[in-house]
C-alpha atoms as a PDB file:
ATOM      1  CA  MET A   1      -5.666   5.881  10.163  1.00  0.00           C
ATOM      2  CA  ARG A   2      -8.378   8.242   8.980  1.00  0.00           C
ATOM      3  CA  ASP A   3      -6.322   9.453   6.023  1.00  0.00           C
ATOM      4  CA  THR A   4      -5.311   5.925   5.019  1.00  0.00           C
ATOM      5  CA  MET A   5      -8.899   4.692   5.105  1.00  0.00           C
ATOM      6  CA  TRP A   6     -10.094   7.698   3.101  1.00  0.00           C
ATOM      7  CA  GLU A   7      -7.338   7.696   0.485  1.00  0.00           C
ATOM      8  CA  ARG A   8      -6.646   3.957   0.099  1.00  0.00           C
ATOM      9  CA  VAL A   9      -9.793   2.101   1.202  1.00  0.00           C
ATOM     10  CA  GLY A  10     -12.524   4.526   0.119  1.00  0.00           C
ATOM     11  CA  ILE A  11     -15.353   3.775  -2.257  1.00  0.00           C
ATOM     12  CA  PHE A  12     -13.121   3.779  -5.366  1.00  0.00           C
ATOM     13  CA  ARG A  13     -10.403   1.174  -4.818  1.00  0.00           C
ATOM     14  CA  ASP A  14      -7.696  -0.704  -6.675  1.00  0.00           C
ATOM     15  CA  ARG A  15      -5.157  -3.382  -5.753  1.00  0.00           C
ATOM     16  CA  GLN A  16      -2.216  -1.015  -5.370  1.00  0.00           C
ATOM     17  CA  GLY A  17      -4.070   1.409  -3.111  1.00  0.00           C
ATOM     18  CA  LEU A  18      -5.491  -1.397  -0.986  1.00  0.00           C
ATOM     19  CA  GLU A  19      -2.078  -3.041  -0.612  1.00  0.00           C
ATOM     20  CA  GLU A  20      -0.600   0.307   0.433  1.00  0.00           C
ATOM     21  CA  GLY A  21      -3.496   0.812   2.853  1.00  0.00           C
ATOM     22  CA  VAL A  22      -2.995  -2.625   4.436  1.00  0.00           C
ATOM     23  CA  ALA A  23       0.733  -1.888   4.835  1.00  0.00           C
ATOM     24  CA  GLU A  24       0.074   1.526   6.396  1.00  0.00           C
ATOM     25  CA  LEU A  25      -2.571   0.176   8.782  1.00  0.00           C
ATOM     26  CA  SER A  26      -0.292  -2.716   9.785  1.00  0.00           C
ATOM     27  CA  GLU A  27       2.458  -0.206  10.522  1.00  0.00           C
ATOM     28  CA  LEU A  28       0.076   1.903  12.629  1.00  0.00           C
ATOM     29  CA  GLN A  29      -1.003  -1.211  14.492  1.00  0.00           C
ATOM     30  CA  GLY A  30       2.653  -2.032  15.222  1.00  0.00           C
ATOM     31  CA  LEU A  31       3.245   1.505  16.470  1.00  0.00           C
ATOM     32  CA  TYR A  32       0.203   1.230  18.691  1.00  0.00           C
ATOM     33  CA  GLN A  33       1.449  -2.047  20.178  1.00  0.00           C
ATOM     34  CA  SER A  34       4.918  -0.659  20.887  1.00  0.00           C
ATOM     35  CA  HIS A  35       4.031   2.880  21.992  1.00  0.00           C
ATOM     36  CA  ALA A  36       0.490   2.950  23.347  1.00  0.00           C
ATOM     37  CA  GLY A  37       0.121   3.485  27.014  1.00  0.00           C
ATOM     38  CA  VAL A  38      -2.322   4.984  29.406  1.00  0.00           C
ATOM     39  CA  PRO A  39      -0.959   7.941  31.319  1.00  0.00           C
ATOM     40  CA  GLY A  40      -2.080   8.276  34.904  1.00  0.00           C
ATOM     41  CA  GLY A  41      -4.653  11.002  35.143  1.00  0.00           C
ATOM     42  CA  GLU A  42      -5.994  12.796  38.145  1.00  0.00           C
ATOM     43  CA  ALA A  43      -9.314  13.849  36.731  1.00  0.00           C
ATOM     44  CA  PRO A  44     -12.274  11.988  38.223  1.00  0.00           C
ATOM     45  CA  PHE A  45     -13.315  10.776  34.765  1.00  0.00           C
ATOM     46  CA  ASP A  46     -10.013  10.217  32.985  1.00  0.00           C
ATOM     47  CA  VAL A  47     -10.842   8.852  29.517  1.00  0.00           C
ATOM     48  CA  ALA A  48      -7.299   7.853  28.495  1.00  0.00           C
ATOM     49  CA  LEU A  49      -7.984   4.142  29.009  1.00  0.00           C
ATOM     50  CA  SER A  50     -11.210   4.147  26.998  1.00  0.00           C
ATOM     51  CA  ASP A  51      -9.534   6.225  24.254  1.00  0.00           C
ATOM     52  CA  ALA A  52      -6.627   3.742  24.055  1.00  0.00           C
ATOM     53  CA  LEU A  53      -9.005   0.777  23.868  1.00  0.00           C
ATOM     54  CA  MET A  54     -11.157   2.472  21.217  1.00  0.00           C
ATOM     55  CA  LEU A  55      -8.076   3.224  19.114  1.00  0.00           C
ATOM     56  CA  GLU A  56      -6.980  -0.408  19.324  1.00  0.00           C
ATOM     57  CA  GLY A  57     -10.426  -1.561  18.199  1.00  0.00           C
ATOM     58  CA  MET A  58     -10.561   0.950  15.355  1.00  0.00           C
ATOM     59  CA  LEU A  59      -7.164  -0.202  14.092  1.00  0.00           C
ATOM     60  CA  ASP A  60      -8.308  -3.849  14.186  1.00  0.00           C
ATOM     61  CA  ILE A  61     -11.508  -3.079  12.297  1.00  0.00           C
ATOM     62  CA  SER A  62      -9.780  -0.827   9.753  1.00  0.00           C
ATOM     63  CA  LEU A  63      -7.269  -3.562   8.951  1.00  0.00           C
ATOM     64  CA  ALA A  64     -10.063  -6.141   8.576  1.00  0.00           C
ATOM     65  CA  VAL A  65     -11.969  -3.829   6.202  1.00  0.00           C
ATOM     66  CA  ALA A  66      -8.856  -3.121   4.111  1.00  0.00           C
ATOM     67  CA  GLU A  67      -7.783  -6.772   3.887  1.00  0.00           C
ATOM     68  CA  GLY A  68     -11.342  -7.873   3.131  1.00  0.00           C
ATOM     69  CA  ALA A  69     -11.588  -5.297   0.341  1.00  0.00           C
ATOM     70  CA  LEU A  70      -8.262  -6.455  -1.093  1.00  0.00           C
ATOM     71  CA  ARG A  71      -9.536 -10.044  -1.272  1.00  0.00           C
ATOM     72  CA  MET A  72     -12.843  -9.094  -2.921  1.00  0.00           C
ATOM     73  CA  GLU A  73     -11.996  -8.860  -6.602  1.00  0.00           C
ATOM     74  CA  GLU A  74     -15.265  -7.411  -7.880  1.00  0.00           C
ATOM     75  CA  SER A  75     -17.447  -4.342  -7.577  1.00  0.00           C
ATOM     76  CA  ARG A  76     -20.631  -4.644  -5.543  1.00  0.00           C
ATOM     77  CA  GLY A  77     -22.882  -2.098  -3.930  1.00  0.00           C
ATOM     78  CA  SER A  78     -21.026   0.988  -2.803  1.00  0.00           C
ATOM     79  CA  HIS A  79     -17.590  -0.695  -3.009  1.00  0.00           C
ATOM     80  CA  TYR A  80     -16.106  -0.136  -6.435  1.00  0.00           C
ATOM     81  CA  ARG A  81     -12.859  -1.795  -7.511  1.00  0.00           C
ATOM     82  CA  ILE A  82     -11.474   0.160 -10.452  1.00  0.00           C
ATOM     83  CA  ASP A  83      -9.470  -2.911 -11.482  1.00  0.00           C
ATOM     84  CA  TYR A  84     -12.562  -5.201 -11.216  1.00  0.00           C
ATOM     85  CA  PRO A  85     -15.498  -3.054 -12.389  1.00  0.00           C
ATOM     86  CA  LYS A  86     -18.024  -5.896 -12.768  1.00  0.00           C
ATOM     87  CA  ARG A  87     -19.981  -7.809 -10.177  1.00  0.00           C
ATOM     88  CA  ASP A  88     -19.038 -11.517 -10.039  1.00  0.00           C
ATOM     89  CA  ASP A  89     -21.808 -13.582  -8.446  1.00  0.00           C
ATOM     90  CA  ALA A  90     -20.208 -16.859  -9.548  1.00  0.00           C
ATOM     91  CA  VAL A  91     -17.277 -16.215  -7.207  1.00  0.00           C
ATOM     92  CA  TRP A  92     -18.408 -13.566  -4.702  1.00  0.00           C
ATOM     93  CA  LEU A  93     -22.063 -14.266  -3.935  1.00  0.00           C
ATOM     94  CA  LYS A  94     -21.193 -15.227  -0.357  1.00  0.00           C
ATOM     95  CA  HIS A  95     -20.961 -13.738   3.105  1.00  0.00           C
ATOM     96  CA  THR A  96     -17.507 -12.730   4.293  1.00  0.00           C
ATOM     97  CA  LEU A  97     -16.786 -13.436   7.951  1.00  0.00           C
ATOM     98  CA  ALA A  98     -13.781 -11.710   9.528  1.00  0.00           C
ATOM     99  CA  TYR A  99     -12.314 -12.904  12.823  1.00  0.00           C
ATOM    100  CA  HIS A 100      -9.810 -11.163  15.056  1.00  0.00           C
ATOM    101  CA  THR A 101      -6.623 -13.132  15.716  1.00  0.00           C
ATOM    102  CA  PRO A 102      -3.268 -12.061  17.192  1.00  0.00           C
ATOM    103  CA  GLU A 103      -1.721 -12.486  13.714  1.00  0.00           C
ATOM    104  CA  GLY A 104      -4.308 -10.229  12.049  1.00  0.00           C
ATOM    105  CA  PRO A 105      -7.752 -10.755  10.574  1.00  0.00           C
ATOM    106  CA  ARG A 106      -8.753 -14.258   9.483  1.00  0.00           C
ATOM    107  CA  PHE A 107     -11.435 -14.642   6.821  1.00  0.00           C
ATOM    108  CA  GLU A 108     -14.013 -17.331   6.196  1.00  0.00           C
ATOM    109  CA  TYR A 109     -16.888 -17.407   3.760  1.00  0.00           C
ATOM    110  CA  LYS A 110     -20.456 -18.637   4.076  1.00  0.00           C
ATOM    111  CA  PRO A 111     -22.937 -19.275   1.247  1.00  0.00           C
ATOM    112  CA  VAL A 112     -25.821 -16.893   0.694  1.00  0.00           C
ATOM    113  CA  THR A 113     -29.274 -18.425   0.928  1.00  0.00           C
ATOM    114  CA  ILE A 114     -31.551 -16.930  -1.704  1.00  0.00           C
ATOM    115  CA  THR A 115     -35.089 -16.772  -0.344  1.00  0.00           C
ATOM    116  CA  ARG A 116     -37.760 -14.360  -1.487  1.00  0.00           C
ATOM    117  CA  TRP A 117     -35.981 -12.044  -3.919  1.00  0.00           C
ATOM    118  CA  PRO A 118     -33.739 -13.232  -6.755  1.00  0.00           C
ATOM    119  CA  VAL A 119     -30.202 -11.880  -7.001  1.00  0.00           C
ATOM    120  CA  ARG A 120     -29.775  -9.112  -9.537  1.00  0.00           C
ATOM    121  CA  GLU A 121     -27.457  -6.251 -10.207  1.00  0.00           C
ATOM    122  CA  ARG A 122     -28.662  -2.820  -9.155  1.00  0.00           C
ATOM    123  CA  THR A 123     -29.241  -0.365 -11.966  1.00  0.00           C
ATOM    124  CA  TYR A 124     -30.051   3.279 -11.517  1.00  0.00           C
END
């Protein structure tokens, strides 16, 4: 999971890498579902259960991040799509909401309310 997120879903992204990352994370999630278990431990503070639950949560979140990045066809902030190098406020000036479902992440979008500061591209 760590290697997939670093190599496929890092700061510099493209469609092919993100698609490969989603496929790899989905495969890991399937392996977790079919092989994960909690061995019986005798230590007074056996952490196997909490480790298994944390792994499940990390896989869910990693898949949501990867699928969300695949959908976002622009570059914004620290997330740079090599295949979409420009920011696209006309399409992507919105909040992305990701929800956990048994079938995988579900996405919804919510408009951004501009209040005090106008929207502008960062320049350094």
